[in-house]
C-alpha cells in the first residue's frame, strides 16, 4: 500500500495547490518495536498511526508510523477501487497520517509553526475532502451513512487518551465538523466545484487563529 500513501499525498498537493518536497513513503515505518524505540515507549497505548517529530541538528527529523495490519487490510480492500463502510476506518487512518505529514512538511518549508490542534483539525478536513473525491468517482459507494455522520458522529474516541489529548481531539473534531457542515450547506453538489476548491485552498493556508475565526463566523444555510 505504499502507492496508496503516495497517491493520497499527491492528491492533497494537487487539490490544495501546494508543492510537497518530500515523499511520505521515505519516512514510513511499520515496526511497532521501532516506534517504541523512537518514542521512548510513549504514549504507552496501542495506536495505528503516529507522526514522530524530533528536533535534529539541522531541523526536524520525521517518521510516520502506520500499523502493518492496517496496510495489509487496505491492500486486500483498496478504497480507490471500492470504498465502503468496511475499509473506511483504515482509509481514514492512512489518510490522517499522510495529512499530518504533508501539512507539517509544507508549513516547515515556510518556517511556520503548527500546533497539534491545527494538525488534527486539518486532518479531519482532509478526510472529508478526500472521501468526497472518492465518492464522486464511485457513485455507488455505501459508507453506511452520510459522510458527515460517519466522520464526526459515528467515530469513537481513541482509548487511553489523557485529559489534554482527549480535549484536543474533541476540539479539533468539533471545529472541523462545523466547518465541513458549513461547506456542505454552501456546496451541496456531489462534485468538488471551483468555489469549494477556492475556499479549501484559502482555508489550508490560514494560521490556526484565522481558521478558528472563519469557522466560528460561518453562517449555515
N, C-alpha and C. Protein backbone atom coordinates (compact mmCIF):
# COMPACT_ATOMS: atom_id res chain seq x y z
N UNK A 1 0.80 -1.21 0.00
CA UNK A 1 0.00 0.00 0.00
C UNK A 1 0.84 1.27 0.00
N UNK A 2 2.13 1.10 -0.31
CA UNK A 2 2.98 2.29 -0.38
C UNK A 2 2.48 3.26 -1.45
N UNK A 3 1.97 2.71 -2.55
CA UNK A 3 1.50 3.58 -3.63
C UNK A 3 0.25 4.36 -3.21
N UNK A 4 -0.59 3.76 -2.40
CA UNK A 4 -1.76 4.49 -1.89
C UNK A 4 -1.32 5.69 -1.07
N UNK A 5 -0.28 5.51 -0.26
CA UNK A 5 0.27 6.63 0.50
C UNK A 5 0.69 7.77 -0.43
N UNK A 6 1.44 7.39 -1.45
CA UNK A 6 1.92 8.40 -2.40
C UNK A 6 0.76 9.04 -3.16
N UNK A 7 -0.22 8.24 -3.56
CA UNK A 7 -1.37 8.78 -4.28
C UNK A 7 -2.13 9.80 -3.44
N UNK A 8 -2.31 9.50 -2.15
CA UNK A 8 -3.02 10.42 -1.27
C UNK A 8 -2.22 11.69 -1.05
N UNK A 9 -0.90 11.57 -0.94
CA UNK A 9 -0.07 12.76 -0.79
C UNK A 9 -0.14 13.64 -2.04
N UNK A 10 -0.06 13.01 -3.21
CA UNK A 10 -0.14 13.78 -4.45
C UNK A 10 -1.52 14.41 -4.61
N UNK A 11 -2.55 13.70 -4.18
CA UNK A 11 -3.90 14.25 -4.27
C UNK A 11 -4.03 15.50 -3.40
N UNK A 12 -3.50 15.44 -2.18
CA UNK A 12 -3.53 16.61 -1.30
C UNK A 12 -2.78 17.77 -1.94
N UNK A 13 -1.60 17.47 -2.52
CA UNK A 13 -0.82 18.52 -3.17
C UNK A 13 -1.55 19.16 -4.32
N UNK A 14 -2.17 18.33 -5.18
CA UNK A 14 -2.91 18.87 -6.32
C UNK A 14 -4.12 19.66 -5.87
N UNK A 15 -4.85 19.11 -4.92
CA UNK A 15 -6.10 19.74 -4.53
C UNK A 15 -5.87 21.10 -3.89
N UNK A 16 -4.90 21.18 -2.99
CA UNK A 16 -4.66 22.43 -2.29
C UNK A 16 -3.69 23.34 -3.04
N UNK A 17 -3.14 22.85 -4.14
CA UNK A 17 -2.22 23.66 -4.91
C UNK A 17 -0.93 23.93 -4.18
N UNK A 18 -0.40 22.90 -3.48
CA UNK A 18 0.84 23.06 -2.73
C UNK A 18 1.88 22.07 -3.24
N UNK A 19 3.13 22.46 -3.14
CA UNK A 19 4.23 21.59 -3.52
C UNK A 19 4.77 20.91 -2.27
N UNK A 20 4.86 19.59 -2.31
CA UNK A 20 5.34 18.81 -1.18
C UNK A 20 6.69 18.23 -1.54
N UNK A 21 7.73 18.70 -0.88
CA UNK A 21 9.09 18.42 -1.31
C UNK A 21 9.54 17.00 -1.00
N UNK A 22 8.90 16.34 -0.04
CA UNK A 22 9.35 15.03 0.40
C UNK A 22 8.28 13.97 0.16
N UNK A 23 8.72 12.77 -0.17
CA UNK A 23 7.83 11.64 -0.42
C UNK A 23 7.55 10.93 0.90
N UNK A 24 6.28 10.86 1.27
CA UNK A 24 5.90 10.26 2.55
C UNK A 24 6.40 8.83 2.68
N UNK A 25 6.54 8.13 1.57
CA UNK A 25 6.99 6.73 1.63
C UNK A 25 8.39 6.60 2.18
N UNK A 26 9.20 7.65 2.02
CA UNK A 26 10.57 7.61 2.51
C UNK A 26 10.65 7.72 4.03
N UNK A 27 9.54 8.08 4.66
CA UNK A 27 9.52 8.30 6.11
C UNK A 27 8.64 7.27 6.83
N UNK A 28 8.14 6.29 6.08
CA UNK A 28 7.20 5.32 6.64
C UNK A 28 7.92 4.24 7.45
N UNK A 29 7.38 3.95 8.63
CA UNK A 29 7.80 2.78 9.42
C UNK A 29 6.54 2.02 9.81
N UNK A 30 6.66 0.70 9.90
CA UNK A 30 5.52 -0.14 10.27
C UNK A 30 5.85 -1.06 11.45
N UNK A 31 7.04 -0.95 11.97
CA UNK A 31 7.51 -1.81 13.06
C UNK A 31 7.19 -1.16 14.40
N UNK A 32 6.31 -1.79 15.19
CA UNK A 32 5.91 -1.21 16.47
C UNK A 32 7.08 -1.15 17.45
N UNK A 33 8.03 -2.09 17.34
CA UNK A 33 9.21 -2.06 18.21
C UNK A 33 10.06 -0.83 17.91
N UNK A 34 10.22 -0.54 16.62
CA UNK A 34 10.96 0.66 16.24
C UNK A 34 10.23 1.91 16.70
N UNK A 35 8.91 1.91 16.61
CA UNK A 35 8.13 3.04 17.12
C UNK A 35 8.42 3.28 18.59
N UNK A 36 8.41 2.21 19.38
CA UNK A 36 8.68 2.34 20.81
C UNK A 36 10.06 2.91 21.07
N UNK A 37 11.04 2.47 20.27
CA UNK A 37 12.39 2.98 20.48
C UNK A 37 12.50 4.45 20.12
N UNK A 38 11.77 4.89 19.10
CA UNK A 38 11.82 6.29 18.69
C UNK A 38 11.09 7.21 19.65
N UNK A 39 10.09 6.67 20.33
CA UNK A 39 9.28 7.48 21.24
C UNK A 39 9.55 7.18 22.70
N UNK A 40 10.59 6.40 22.96
CA UNK A 40 10.95 6.03 24.33
C UNK A 40 9.80 5.36 25.06
N UNK A 41 9.03 4.58 24.32
CA UNK A 41 7.92 3.85 24.92
C UNK A 41 6.63 4.63 25.02
N UNK A 42 6.66 5.93 24.81
CA UNK A 42 5.44 6.74 24.87
C UNK A 42 4.64 6.53 23.59
N UNK A 43 3.32 6.62 23.58
CA UNK A 43 2.49 7.01 24.70
C UNK A 43 2.00 5.85 25.55
N UNK A 44 2.50 4.66 25.33
CA UNK A 44 2.10 3.56 26.19
C UNK A 44 0.74 2.97 25.87
N UNK A 45 0.27 3.13 24.66
CA UNK A 45 -1.01 2.57 24.25
C UNK A 45 -0.91 2.12 22.79
N UNK A 46 -1.77 1.20 22.43
CA UNK A 46 -1.77 0.71 21.06
C UNK A 46 -2.32 1.79 20.13
N UNK A 47 -1.58 2.08 19.07
CA UNK A 47 -2.02 3.07 18.10
C UNK A 47 -1.76 2.53 16.70
N UNK A 48 -2.56 2.99 15.75
CA UNK A 48 -2.40 2.56 14.36
C UNK A 48 -1.64 3.58 13.52
N UNK A 49 -1.56 4.83 14.01
CA UNK A 49 -0.91 5.88 13.23
C UNK A 49 -0.29 6.89 14.18
N UNK A 50 0.93 7.32 13.85
CA UNK A 50 1.58 8.35 14.66
C UNK A 50 2.66 9.03 13.84
N UNK A 51 2.66 10.35 13.85
CA UNK A 51 3.74 11.12 13.24
C UNK A 51 4.75 11.43 14.33
N UNK A 52 5.99 10.97 14.16
CA UNK A 52 7.04 11.19 15.14
C UNK A 52 7.87 12.37 14.68
N UNK A 53 7.98 13.37 15.54
CA UNK A 53 8.72 14.59 15.22
C UNK A 53 9.81 14.77 16.26
N UNK A 54 11.05 14.84 15.81
CA UNK A 54 12.19 15.01 16.70
C UNK A 54 13.06 16.15 16.19
N UNK A 55 13.60 16.91 17.13
CA UNK A 55 14.48 18.00 16.76
C UNK A 55 15.85 17.46 16.42
N UNK A 56 16.31 17.72 15.19
CA UNK A 56 17.63 17.30 14.76
C UNK A 56 18.61 18.45 14.74
N UNK A 57 19.85 18.16 14.38
CA UNK A 57 20.88 19.20 14.35
C UNK A 57 20.58 20.28 13.31
N UNK A 58 19.99 19.89 12.20
CA UNK A 58 19.74 20.83 11.11
C UNK A 58 18.26 21.09 10.88
N UNK A 59 17.43 20.79 11.84
CA UNK A 59 16.00 20.97 11.67
C UNK A 59 15.25 19.87 12.40
N UNK A 60 14.14 19.43 11.80
CA UNK A 60 13.36 18.39 12.43
C UNK A 60 13.54 17.07 11.67
N UNK A 61 13.50 15.98 12.43
CA UNK A 61 13.51 14.64 11.85
C UNK A 61 12.11 14.07 12.00
N UNK A 62 11.64 13.41 10.93
CA UNK A 62 10.27 12.90 10.90
C UNK A 62 10.25 11.41 10.63
N UNK A 63 9.22 10.75 11.13
CA UNK A 63 8.88 9.39 10.73
C UNK A 63 7.37 9.25 10.87
N UNK A 64 6.77 8.53 9.96
CA UNK A 64 5.33 8.27 10.02
C UNK A 64 5.12 6.79 10.27
N UNK A 65 4.54 6.47 11.41
CA UNK A 65 4.22 5.08 11.73
C UNK A 65 2.79 4.77 11.31
N UNK A 66 2.63 3.67 10.56
CA UNK A 66 1.33 3.11 10.26
C UNK A 66 1.39 1.62 10.56
N UNK A 67 0.40 1.14 11.26
CA UNK A 67 0.37 -0.27 11.64
C UNK A 67 0.33 -1.15 10.39
N UNK A 68 1.17 -2.19 10.38
CA UNK A 68 1.26 -3.07 9.22
C UNK A 68 -0.07 -3.74 8.91
N UNK A 69 -0.86 -4.02 9.95
CA UNK A 69 -2.16 -4.68 9.74
C UNK A 69 -3.12 -3.76 8.98
N UNK A 70 -3.06 -2.46 9.24
CA UNK A 70 -3.89 -1.51 8.52
C UNK A 70 -3.54 -1.53 7.04
N UNK A 71 -2.25 -1.49 6.74
CA UNK A 71 -1.81 -1.51 5.34
C UNK A 71 -2.18 -2.81 4.66
N UNK A 72 -2.10 -3.92 5.39
CA UNK A 72 -2.46 -5.22 4.81
C UNK A 72 -3.94 -5.27 4.48
N UNK A 73 -4.78 -4.74 5.36
CA UNK A 73 -6.22 -4.75 5.10
C UNK A 73 -6.56 -3.85 3.90
N UNK A 74 -5.87 -2.72 3.79
CA UNK A 74 -6.12 -1.84 2.65
C UNK A 74 -5.63 -2.46 1.34
N UNK A 75 -4.57 -3.26 1.41
CA UNK A 75 -4.10 -3.96 0.22
C UNK A 75 -5.13 -4.97 -0.26
N UNK A 76 -5.85 -5.57 0.69
CA UNK A 76 -6.88 -6.55 0.34
C UNK A 76 -8.19 -5.90 -0.07
N UNK A 77 -8.42 -4.66 0.36
CA UNK A 77 -9.67 -3.95 0.03
C UNK A 77 -9.32 -2.50 -0.27
N UNK A 78 -8.80 -2.26 -1.46
CA UNK A 78 -8.28 -0.95 -1.84
C UNK A 78 -9.44 0.05 -1.98
N UNK A 79 -9.44 1.12 -1.19
CA UNK A 79 -10.54 2.09 -1.28
C UNK A 79 -10.60 2.83 -2.60
N UNK A 80 -9.50 2.86 -3.34
CA UNK A 80 -9.52 3.50 -4.65
C UNK A 80 -10.36 2.71 -5.64
N UNK A 81 -10.50 1.41 -5.38
CA UNK A 81 -11.32 0.56 -6.23
C UNK A 81 -12.75 0.46 -5.72
N UNK A 82 -12.90 0.35 -4.40
CA UNK A 82 -14.24 0.29 -3.82
C UNK A 82 -14.18 0.76 -2.37
N UNK A 83 -14.71 1.93 -2.13
CA UNK A 83 -14.79 2.47 -0.78
C UNK A 83 -16.10 2.01 -0.14
N UNK A 84 -16.01 1.57 1.10
CA UNK A 84 -17.21 1.08 1.79
C UNK A 84 -17.04 1.29 3.28
N UNK A 85 -18.11 0.98 4.02
CA UNK A 85 -18.01 1.06 5.46
C UNK A 85 -17.00 0.10 6.03
N UNK A 86 -16.65 -0.95 5.28
CA UNK A 86 -15.72 -1.96 5.79
C UNK A 86 -14.28 -1.47 5.79
N UNK A 87 -13.88 -0.68 4.79
CA UNK A 87 -12.49 -0.22 4.73
C UNK A 87 -12.34 1.27 5.05
N UNK A 88 -13.43 1.92 5.45
CA UNK A 88 -13.41 3.35 5.67
C UNK A 88 -12.48 3.75 6.82
N UNK A 89 -12.55 3.04 7.95
CA UNK A 89 -11.73 3.41 9.11
C UNK A 89 -10.25 3.28 8.78
N UNK A 90 -9.86 2.20 8.09
CA UNK A 90 -8.45 2.03 7.73
C UNK A 90 -8.01 3.10 6.74
N UNK A 91 -8.88 3.44 5.80
CA UNK A 91 -8.56 4.50 4.84
C UNK A 91 -8.32 5.82 5.57
N UNK A 92 -9.16 6.13 6.54
CA UNK A 92 -9.00 7.38 7.28
C UNK A 92 -7.76 7.36 8.17
N UNK A 93 -7.39 6.18 8.69
CA UNK A 93 -6.16 6.08 9.46
C UNK A 93 -4.95 6.42 8.60
N UNK A 94 -4.89 5.82 7.41
CA UNK A 94 -3.79 6.12 6.49
C UNK A 94 -3.82 7.59 6.08
N UNK A 95 -4.99 8.09 5.76
CA UNK A 95 -5.11 9.46 5.30
C UNK A 95 -4.73 10.45 6.39
N UNK A 96 -5.04 10.14 7.62
CA UNK A 96 -4.67 11.02 8.73
C UNK A 96 -3.15 11.16 8.81
N UNK A 97 -2.45 10.04 8.67
CA UNK A 97 -1.00 10.10 8.69
C UNK A 97 -0.44 10.91 7.56
N UNK A 98 -0.96 10.71 6.36
CA UNK A 98 -0.49 11.46 5.20
C UNK A 98 -0.79 12.95 5.38
N UNK A 99 -1.96 13.27 5.91
CA UNK A 99 -2.33 14.66 6.15
C UNK A 99 -1.39 15.32 7.15
N UNK A 100 -1.14 14.65 8.27
CA UNK A 100 -0.22 15.19 9.28
C UNK A 100 1.15 15.47 8.68
N UNK A 101 1.67 14.47 7.95
CA UNK A 101 2.98 14.60 7.35
C UNK A 101 3.01 15.75 6.35
N UNK A 102 2.05 15.80 5.47
CA UNK A 102 2.04 16.79 4.40
C UNK A 102 1.90 18.20 4.95
N UNK A 103 1.01 18.38 5.90
CA UNK A 103 0.76 19.72 6.44
C UNK A 103 1.96 20.23 7.22
N UNK A 104 2.59 19.34 8.00
CA UNK A 104 3.76 19.75 8.76
C UNK A 104 4.93 20.09 7.84
N UNK A 105 5.17 19.25 6.84
CA UNK A 105 6.28 19.49 5.92
C UNK A 105 6.06 20.77 5.12
N UNK A 106 4.83 20.99 4.67
CA UNK A 106 4.55 22.20 3.88
C UNK A 106 4.78 23.45 4.72
N UNK A 107 4.29 23.47 5.95
CA UNK A 107 4.47 24.63 6.82
C UNK A 107 5.93 24.82 7.20
N UNK A 108 6.64 23.71 7.40
CA UNK A 108 8.05 23.81 7.75
C UNK A 108 8.85 24.49 6.65
N UNK A 109 8.42 24.32 5.40
CA UNK A 109 9.09 24.97 4.29
C UNK A 109 9.02 26.48 4.35
N UNK A 110 8.06 27.02 5.12
CA UNK A 110 7.93 28.47 5.30
C UNK A 110 8.30 28.89 6.72
N UNK A 111 8.90 27.95 7.47
CA UNK A 111 9.26 28.21 8.88
C UNK A 111 8.05 28.63 9.69
N UNK A 112 6.89 28.02 9.37
CA UNK A 112 5.67 28.33 10.09
C UNK A 112 5.38 27.25 11.13
N UNK A 113 5.20 27.61 12.39
CA UNK A 113 4.88 26.62 13.41
C UNK A 113 3.48 26.07 13.22
N UNK A 114 3.28 24.82 13.64
CA UNK A 114 1.98 24.17 13.55
C UNK A 114 1.67 23.53 14.89
N UNK A 115 0.50 23.82 15.44
CA UNK A 115 0.11 23.23 16.71
C UNK A 115 -0.51 21.86 16.49
N UNK A 116 -0.58 21.07 17.55
CA UNK A 116 -1.21 19.76 17.47
C UNK A 116 -2.70 19.89 17.14
N UNK A 117 -3.35 20.90 17.70
CA UNK A 117 -4.77 21.13 17.38
C UNK A 117 -4.95 21.40 15.90
N UNK A 118 -4.07 22.21 15.34
CA UNK A 118 -4.18 22.55 13.92
C UNK A 118 -3.96 21.33 13.04
N UNK A 119 -2.98 20.49 13.40
CA UNK A 119 -2.74 19.25 12.65
C UNK A 119 -3.97 18.36 12.65
N UNK A 120 -4.57 18.19 13.83
CA UNK A 120 -5.74 17.30 13.93
C UNK A 120 -6.94 17.88 13.20
N UNK A 121 -7.15 19.17 13.32
CA UNK A 121 -8.28 19.81 12.64
C UNK A 121 -8.15 19.69 11.13
N UNK A 122 -6.94 19.99 10.60
CA UNK A 122 -6.74 19.90 9.15
C UNK A 122 -6.89 18.47 8.66
N UNK A 123 -6.45 17.50 9.47
CA UNK A 123 -6.59 16.09 9.07
C UNK A 123 -8.04 15.70 8.91
N UNK A 124 -8.91 16.20 9.79
CA UNK A 124 -10.34 15.89 9.67
C UNK A 124 -10.91 16.50 8.41
N UNK A 125 -10.50 17.71 8.08
CA UNK A 125 -10.96 18.34 6.84
C UNK A 125 -10.44 17.56 5.64
N UNK A 126 -9.18 17.12 5.69
CA UNK A 126 -8.61 16.35 4.59
C UNK A 126 -9.34 15.02 4.40
N UNK A 127 -9.74 14.40 5.49
CA UNK A 127 -10.53 13.16 5.38
C UNK A 127 -11.85 13.44 4.65
N UNK A 128 -12.49 14.52 5.03
CA UNK A 128 -13.76 14.88 4.39
C UNK A 128 -13.57 15.12 2.90
N UNK A 129 -12.57 15.93 2.55
CA UNK A 129 -12.35 16.28 1.15
C UNK A 129 -11.97 15.05 0.33
N UNK A 130 -11.04 14.25 0.83
CA UNK A 130 -10.58 13.08 0.08
C UNK A 130 -11.68 12.05 -0.08
N UNK A 131 -12.52 11.92 0.94
CA UNK A 131 -13.63 10.97 0.83
C UNK A 131 -14.66 11.47 -0.17
N UNK A 132 -14.92 12.77 -0.18
CA UNK A 132 -15.83 13.33 -1.19
C UNK A 132 -15.31 13.06 -2.60
N UNK A 133 -14.00 13.17 -2.78
CA UNK A 133 -13.42 12.89 -4.09
C UNK A 133 -13.67 11.45 -4.51
N UNK A 134 -13.46 10.53 -3.58
CA UNK A 134 -13.69 9.12 -3.91
C UNK A 134 -15.17 8.84 -4.16
N UNK A 135 -16.03 9.46 -3.38
CA UNK A 135 -17.47 9.26 -3.58
C UNK A 135 -17.91 9.80 -4.93
N UNK A 136 -17.28 10.87 -5.38
CA UNK A 136 -17.59 11.40 -6.71
C UNK A 136 -17.19 10.39 -7.78
N UNK A 137 -16.06 9.72 -7.57
CA UNK A 137 -15.57 8.74 -8.53
C UNK A 137 -16.30 7.41 -8.43
N UNK A 138 -16.91 7.15 -7.27
CA UNK A 138 -17.61 5.88 -7.04
C UNK A 138 -19.04 6.18 -6.59
N UNK A 139 -19.92 6.57 -7.49
CA UNK A 139 -21.26 6.99 -7.09
C UNK A 139 -22.07 5.90 -6.39
N UNK A 140 -21.69 4.65 -6.56
CA UNK A 140 -22.42 3.58 -5.89
C UNK A 140 -21.87 3.20 -4.53
N UNK A 141 -20.84 3.90 -4.06
CA UNK A 141 -20.21 3.56 -2.79
C UNK A 141 -21.18 3.78 -1.63
N UNK A 142 -21.13 2.87 -0.66
CA UNK A 142 -22.01 2.94 0.51
C UNK A 142 -21.15 2.97 1.76
N UNK A 143 -21.15 4.10 2.44
CA UNK A 143 -20.36 4.25 3.67
C UNK A 143 -21.10 3.76 4.90
N UNK A 144 -22.35 3.39 4.73
CA UNK A 144 -23.15 3.00 5.89
C UNK A 144 -23.82 4.18 6.55
N UNK A 145 -23.80 5.32 5.90
CA UNK A 145 -24.42 6.53 6.43
C UNK A 145 -23.85 7.74 5.73
N UNK A 146 -24.44 8.92 5.94
CA UNK A 146 -23.91 10.14 5.33
C UNK A 146 -22.48 10.40 5.78
N UNK A 147 -21.70 11.05 4.92
CA UNK A 147 -20.29 11.26 5.20
C UNK A 147 -20.06 12.01 6.51
N UNK A 148 -20.78 13.10 6.72
CA UNK A 148 -20.57 13.87 7.95
C UNK A 148 -20.88 13.04 9.19
N UNK A 149 -21.92 12.24 9.11
CA UNK A 149 -22.26 11.38 10.25
C UNK A 149 -21.17 10.35 10.51
N UNK A 150 -20.69 9.72 9.45
CA UNK A 150 -19.67 8.68 9.61
C UNK A 150 -18.36 9.26 10.13
N UNK A 151 -18.03 10.47 9.71
CA UNK A 151 -16.76 11.06 10.08
C UNK A 151 -16.78 11.68 11.47
N UNK A 152 -17.88 12.32 11.84
CA UNK A 152 -17.86 13.11 13.07
C UNK A 152 -18.77 12.59 14.18
N UNK A 153 -19.71 11.73 13.85
CA UNK A 153 -20.65 11.26 14.88
C UNK A 153 -20.44 9.80 15.22
N UNK A 154 -20.22 8.97 14.21
CA UNK A 154 -20.10 7.53 14.45
C UNK A 154 -18.73 7.11 14.96
N UNK A 155 -17.73 7.97 14.87
CA UNK A 155 -16.38 7.61 15.32
C UNK A 155 -16.30 7.66 16.84
N UNK A 156 -15.46 6.79 17.40
CA UNK A 156 -15.28 6.72 18.84
C UNK A 156 -13.92 7.30 19.22
N UNK A 157 -13.81 7.93 20.40
CA UNK A 157 -12.51 8.45 20.83
C UNK A 157 -11.49 7.31 20.97
N UNK A 158 -10.25 7.63 20.71
CA UNK A 158 -9.19 6.64 20.88
C UNK A 158 -9.07 6.26 22.34
N UNK A 159 -8.80 4.98 22.62
CA UNK A 159 -8.64 4.57 24.02
C UNK A 159 -7.30 5.05 24.58
N UNK A 160 -7.26 5.23 25.89
CA UNK A 160 -6.00 5.53 26.56
C UNK A 160 -5.54 6.96 26.47
N UNK A 161 -6.40 7.89 26.04
CA UNK A 161 -6.00 9.28 25.95
C UNK A 161 -5.99 9.93 27.33
N UNK A 162 -5.03 10.82 27.57
CA UNK A 162 -5.09 11.60 28.79
C UNK A 162 -6.05 12.78 28.57
N UNK A 163 -6.29 13.55 29.61
CA UNK A 163 -7.29 14.62 29.51
C UNK A 163 -6.92 15.66 28.46
N UNK A 164 -5.64 16.01 28.39
CA UNK A 164 -5.21 17.01 27.41
C UNK A 164 -5.43 16.52 25.99
N UNK A 165 -5.06 15.26 25.73
CA UNK A 165 -5.25 14.70 24.40
C UNK A 165 -6.73 14.60 24.05
N UNK A 166 -7.52 14.13 25.02
CA UNK A 166 -8.96 13.97 24.77
C UNK A 166 -9.60 15.32 24.45
N UNK A 167 -9.23 16.35 25.19
CA UNK A 167 -9.80 17.68 24.93
C UNK A 167 -9.36 18.21 23.56
N UNK A 168 -8.11 17.96 23.21
CA UNK A 168 -7.62 18.43 21.91
C UNK A 168 -8.34 17.75 20.76
N UNK A 169 -8.49 16.43 20.84
CA UNK A 169 -9.20 15.71 19.78
C UNK A 169 -10.65 16.16 19.70
N UNK A 170 -11.26 16.38 20.85
CA UNK A 170 -12.65 16.84 20.86
C UNK A 170 -12.78 18.20 20.19
N UNK A 171 -11.90 19.13 20.56
CA UNK A 171 -11.96 20.47 19.99
C UNK A 171 -11.70 20.45 18.49
N UNK A 172 -10.70 19.67 18.06
CA UNK A 172 -10.37 19.60 16.63
C UNK A 172 -11.54 19.01 15.84
N UNK A 173 -12.16 17.96 16.37
CA UNK A 173 -13.28 17.33 15.69
C UNK A 173 -14.47 18.27 15.63
N UNK A 174 -14.73 18.97 16.73
CA UNK A 174 -15.88 19.89 16.78
C UNK A 174 -15.70 21.01 15.76
N UNK A 175 -14.51 21.60 15.70
CA UNK A 175 -14.26 22.69 14.77
C UNK A 175 -14.33 22.21 13.32
N UNK A 176 -13.70 21.07 13.05
CA UNK A 176 -13.72 20.54 11.68
C UNK A 176 -15.13 20.15 11.26
N UNK A 177 -15.90 19.59 12.18
CA UNK A 177 -17.28 19.21 11.88
C UNK A 177 -18.10 20.45 11.50
N UNK A 178 -17.94 21.50 12.26
CA UNK A 178 -18.67 22.73 11.97
C UNK A 178 -18.27 23.27 10.60
N UNK A 179 -16.98 23.23 10.30
CA UNK A 179 -16.50 23.75 9.02
C UNK A 179 -17.02 22.91 7.86
N UNK A 180 -16.91 21.59 7.98
CA UNK A 180 -17.34 20.71 6.89
C UNK A 180 -18.86 20.76 6.71
N UNK A 181 -19.60 20.90 7.80
CA UNK A 181 -21.05 21.03 7.68
C UNK A 181 -21.41 22.32 6.96
N UNK A 182 -20.66 23.38 7.24
CA UNK A 182 -20.89 24.64 6.54
C UNK A 182 -20.58 24.49 5.05
N UNK A 183 -19.51 23.76 4.74
CA UNK A 183 -19.18 23.52 3.33
C UNK A 183 -20.31 22.78 2.62
N UNK A 184 -20.87 21.77 3.28
CA UNK A 184 -21.96 21.01 2.67
C UNK A 184 -23.19 21.88 2.46
N UNK A 185 -23.41 22.83 3.36
CA UNK A 185 -24.59 23.69 3.20
C UNK A 185 -24.39 24.67 2.04
N UNK A 186 -23.15 25.07 1.79
CA UNK A 186 -22.88 26.03 0.71
C UNK A 186 -22.55 25.36 -0.61
N UNK A 187 -22.00 24.14 -0.55
CA UNK A 187 -21.59 23.42 -1.76
C UNK A 187 -22.14 21.99 -1.69
N UNK A 188 -23.46 21.85 -1.81
CA UNK A 188 -24.07 20.53 -1.59
C UNK A 188 -23.91 19.55 -2.73
N UNK A 189 -23.46 19.99 -3.89
CA UNK A 189 -23.35 19.08 -5.03
C UNK A 189 -22.31 18.02 -4.75
N UNK A 190 -22.47 16.87 -5.40
CA UNK A 190 -21.53 15.77 -5.19
C UNK A 190 -20.12 16.12 -5.65
N UNK A 191 -20.04 16.87 -6.74
CA UNK A 191 -18.70 17.15 -7.28
C UNK A 191 -18.07 18.34 -6.56
N UNK A 192 -16.74 18.38 -6.60
CA UNK A 192 -16.00 19.46 -5.97
C UNK A 192 -15.95 20.64 -6.95
N UNK A 193 -16.74 21.66 -6.69
CA UNK A 193 -16.85 22.80 -7.58
C UNK A 193 -15.66 23.73 -7.42
N UNK A 194 -15.41 24.61 -8.42
CA UNK A 194 -14.32 25.58 -8.29
C UNK A 194 -14.45 26.45 -7.04
N UNK A 195 -15.67 26.82 -6.68
CA UNK A 195 -15.85 27.63 -5.48
C UNK A 195 -15.42 26.91 -4.22
N UNK A 196 -15.74 25.62 -4.13
CA UNK A 196 -15.34 24.83 -2.98
C UNK A 196 -13.82 24.68 -2.94
N UNK A 197 -13.22 24.47 -4.09
CA UNK A 197 -11.76 24.33 -4.14
C UNK A 197 -11.09 25.62 -3.69
N UNK A 198 -11.58 26.76 -4.15
CA UNK A 198 -11.00 28.05 -3.73
C UNK A 198 -11.12 28.24 -2.23
N UNK A 199 -12.27 27.89 -1.68
CA UNK A 199 -12.46 28.03 -0.23
C UNK A 199 -11.48 27.15 0.54
N UNK A 200 -11.35 25.91 0.14
CA UNK A 200 -10.48 24.98 0.86
C UNK A 200 -9.01 25.35 0.72
N UNK A 201 -8.61 25.84 -0.44
CA UNK A 201 -7.22 26.27 -0.62
C UNK A 201 -6.92 27.48 0.26
N UNK A 202 -7.88 28.38 0.36
CA UNK A 202 -7.70 29.54 1.24
C UNK A 202 -7.60 29.10 2.69
N UNK A 203 -8.48 28.21 3.11
CA UNK A 203 -8.50 27.72 4.49
C UNK A 203 -7.20 27.01 4.83
N UNK A 204 -6.67 26.22 3.91
CA UNK A 204 -5.45 25.45 4.14
C UNK A 204 -4.28 26.36 4.51
N UNK A 205 -4.24 27.55 3.95
CA UNK A 205 -3.12 28.47 4.13
C UNK A 205 -3.26 29.37 5.35
N UNK A 206 -4.39 29.34 6.01
CA UNK A 206 -4.59 30.21 7.17
C UNK A 206 -3.88 29.65 8.40
N UNK A 207 -3.37 30.52 9.27
CA UNK A 207 -2.88 30.05 10.57
C UNK A 207 -4.04 29.62 11.45
N UNK A 208 -3.73 28.96 12.53
CA UNK A 208 -4.78 28.36 13.37
C UNK A 208 -5.82 29.38 13.81
N UNK A 209 -5.38 30.52 14.33
CA UNK A 209 -6.33 31.50 14.85
C UNK A 209 -7.31 31.96 13.78
N UNK A 210 -6.81 32.16 12.56
CA UNK A 210 -7.67 32.59 11.47
C UNK A 210 -8.62 31.47 11.05
N UNK A 211 -8.14 30.22 11.09
CA UNK A 211 -9.03 29.09 10.80
C UNK A 211 -10.20 29.05 11.77
N UNK A 212 -9.88 29.16 13.06
CA UNK A 212 -10.92 29.10 14.08
C UNK A 212 -11.89 30.26 13.92
N UNK A 213 -11.38 31.44 13.63
CA UNK A 213 -12.25 32.61 13.43
C UNK A 213 -13.19 32.40 12.26
N UNK A 214 -12.67 31.85 11.16
CA UNK A 214 -13.51 31.61 9.99
C UNK A 214 -14.61 30.59 10.31
N UNK A 215 -14.27 29.56 11.05
CA UNK A 215 -15.26 28.54 11.40
C UNK A 215 -16.34 29.14 12.28
N UNK A 216 -15.94 29.92 13.28
CA UNK A 216 -16.92 30.49 14.21
C UNK A 216 -17.79 31.53 13.55
N UNK A 217 -17.31 32.11 12.46
CA UNK A 217 -18.10 33.13 11.76
C UNK A 217 -19.02 32.53 10.69
N UNK A 218 -18.95 31.21 10.53
CA UNK A 218 -19.73 30.56 9.47
C UNK A 218 -21.23 30.73 9.74
N UNK A 219 -21.97 30.95 8.67
CA UNK A 219 -23.42 31.05 8.75
C UNK A 219 -24.01 29.88 7.96
N UNK A 220 -24.80 29.08 8.60
CA UNK A 220 -25.33 27.88 7.96
C UNK A 220 -26.59 28.22 7.18
N UNK A 221 -26.69 27.59 5.99
CA UNK A 221 -27.85 27.81 5.14
C UNK A 221 -29.08 27.15 5.74
